[in-house]
Structures are given as structure tokens and as C-alpha cells.
Amino acid sequence: MEPLPDLATLSDADLKNLIADLTRDENEVSYQRRLLHGKIDILRAELVARLQKTEGRSVLDQVDVDHLTEILTSKAGPPS
């Protein structure tokens, strides 16, 4: 992470641009974190389903895990 520039030397426009840039960075990191949490949740659910499997049926049989996986692994960026 880069250190902040000397704030006294920035114009109002430069300061606003820096805020906007850092806000975009924060949104991207937050989006990636949500994707990772979603993937972790899917993997944990699969593990639980395997451990709880009874009579050849998984507790996730009624959940569309493939669709959730597609959403979480899509190449789409975070909403603007």
C-alpha cells in the first residue's frame, strides 16, 4: 500500500480524485472478499452434506449449488 501524499500540497480536485480512487479500491476488495466468503460457504456446505449424507441423499439435493457457483465465479465486476 502506498503512503498518502503530502495532503497540504493537493488541490481540492486532486483530493476528491484520491478519495474516489481509494473508494473504488475499497469496493473492489470488498467485492472480492464477498466472493471468497461465498465460495467458502459453498465448500463448507458440500463438506457438511457429505458428512450428513443419509440413504444416498445429500442435504444439498434441493439447493442449486451449480447456479450459486456460477454467480460467485462470474467474471462480472462489482456493481457500480
Protein backbone atom coordinates (compact mmCIF):
# COMPACT_ATOMS: atom_id res chain seq x y z
CA MET A 1 0.00 0.00 0.00
CA GLU A 2 1.32 3.38 -0.96
CA PRO A 3 1.68 6.08 1.67
CA LEU A 4 -0.57 9.09 1.40
CA PRO A 5 0.92 12.09 -0.41
CA ASP A 6 1.50 15.36 1.40
CA LEU A 7 -2.14 16.39 1.76
CA ALA A 8 -1.30 20.08 2.07
CA THR A 9 0.05 20.05 -1.48
CA LEU A 10 -3.10 18.58 -3.04
CA SER A 11 -5.73 20.74 -4.69
CA ASP A 12 -9.38 20.15 -3.84
CA ALA A 13 -9.83 18.34 -7.17
CA ASP A 14 -6.79 16.11 -6.51
CA LEU A 15 -8.09 15.32 -3.03
CA LYS A 16 -11.52 14.39 -4.43
CA ASN A 17 -9.89 12.20 -7.09
CA LEU A 18 -7.78 10.44 -4.47
CA ILE A 19 -10.87 9.79 -2.35
CA ALA A 20 -12.71 8.41 -5.39
CA ASP A 21 -9.76 6.17 -6.34
CA LEU A 22 -9.43 4.76 -2.83
CA THR A 23 -13.19 4.24 -2.59
CA ARG A 24 -13.10 2.23 -5.85
CA ASP A 25 -10.21 0.17 -4.48
CA GLU A 26 -12.13 -0.46 -1.27
CA ASN A 27 -15.22 -1.55 -3.21
CA GLU A 28 -13.17 -3.98 -5.30
CA VAL A 29 -11.52 -5.52 -2.23
CA SER A 30 -14.91 -5.81 -0.54
CA TYR A 31 -16.37 -7.48 -3.65
CA GLN A 32 -13.51 -9.98 -3.77
CA ARG A 33 -13.95 -10.70 -0.05
CA ARG A 34 -17.67 -11.41 -0.57
CA LEU A 35 -16.85 -13.76 -3.46
CA LEU A 36 -14.35 -15.63 -1.32
CA HIS A 37 -16.81 -15.90 1.56
CA GLY A 38 -19.44 -17.26 -0.83
CA LYS A 39 -17.05 -19.87 -2.18
CA ILE A 40 -16.04 -20.87 1.34
CA ASP A 41 -19.72 -21.21 2.28
CA ILE A 42 -20.36 -23.46 -0.73
CA LEU A 43 -17.36 -25.65 0.12
CA ARG A 44 -18.37 -25.92 3.77
CA ALA A 45 -21.95 -26.77 2.79
CA GLU A 46 -20.65 -29.51 0.50
CA LEU A 47 -18.48 -30.90 3.27
CA VAL A 48 -21.40 -30.87 5.72
CA ALA A 49 -23.61 -32.51 3.09
CA ARG A 50 -21.09 -35.28 2.57
CA LEU A 51 -20.78 -35.84 6.29
CA GLN A 52 -24.56 -35.86 6.79
CA LYS A 53 -25.36 -37.98 3.76
CA THR A 54 -28.08 -40.47 4.60
CA GLU A 55 -29.64 -43.07 2.33
CA GLY A 56 -27.62 -41.75 -0.59
CA ARG A 57 -29.19 -38.28 -0.41
CA SER A 58 -27.43 -35.04 0.34
CA VAL A 59 -28.99 -32.16 2.26
CA LEU A 60 -27.96 -30.03 -0.73
CA ASP A 61 -30.00 -32.04 -3.24
CA GLN A 62 -32.63 -29.29 -3.21
CA VAL A 63 -30.14 -26.41 -3.44
CA ASP A 64 -28.89 -25.27 -6.84
CA VAL A 65 -25.20 -25.24 -5.93
CA ASP A 66 -24.15 -25.12 -9.58
CA HIS A 67 -26.11 -21.90 -10.10
CA LEU A 68 -24.66 -20.36 -6.92
CA THR A 69 -21.19 -21.34 -8.06
CA GLU A 70 -21.73 -19.71 -11.46
CA ILE A 71 -22.82 -16.49 -9.82
CA LEU A 72 -19.89 -16.43 -7.43
CA THR A 73 -17.30 -17.29 -10.09
CA SER A 74 -18.63 -14.96 -12.78
CA LYS A 75 -16.24 -12.57 -14.39
CA ALA A 76 -18.60 -9.67 -13.80
CA GLY A 77 -17.17 -6.90 -11.71
CA PRO A 78 -18.83 -5.38 -8.71
CA PRO A 79 -21.91 -3.27 -9.35
CA SER A 80 -21.09 0.40 -9.90
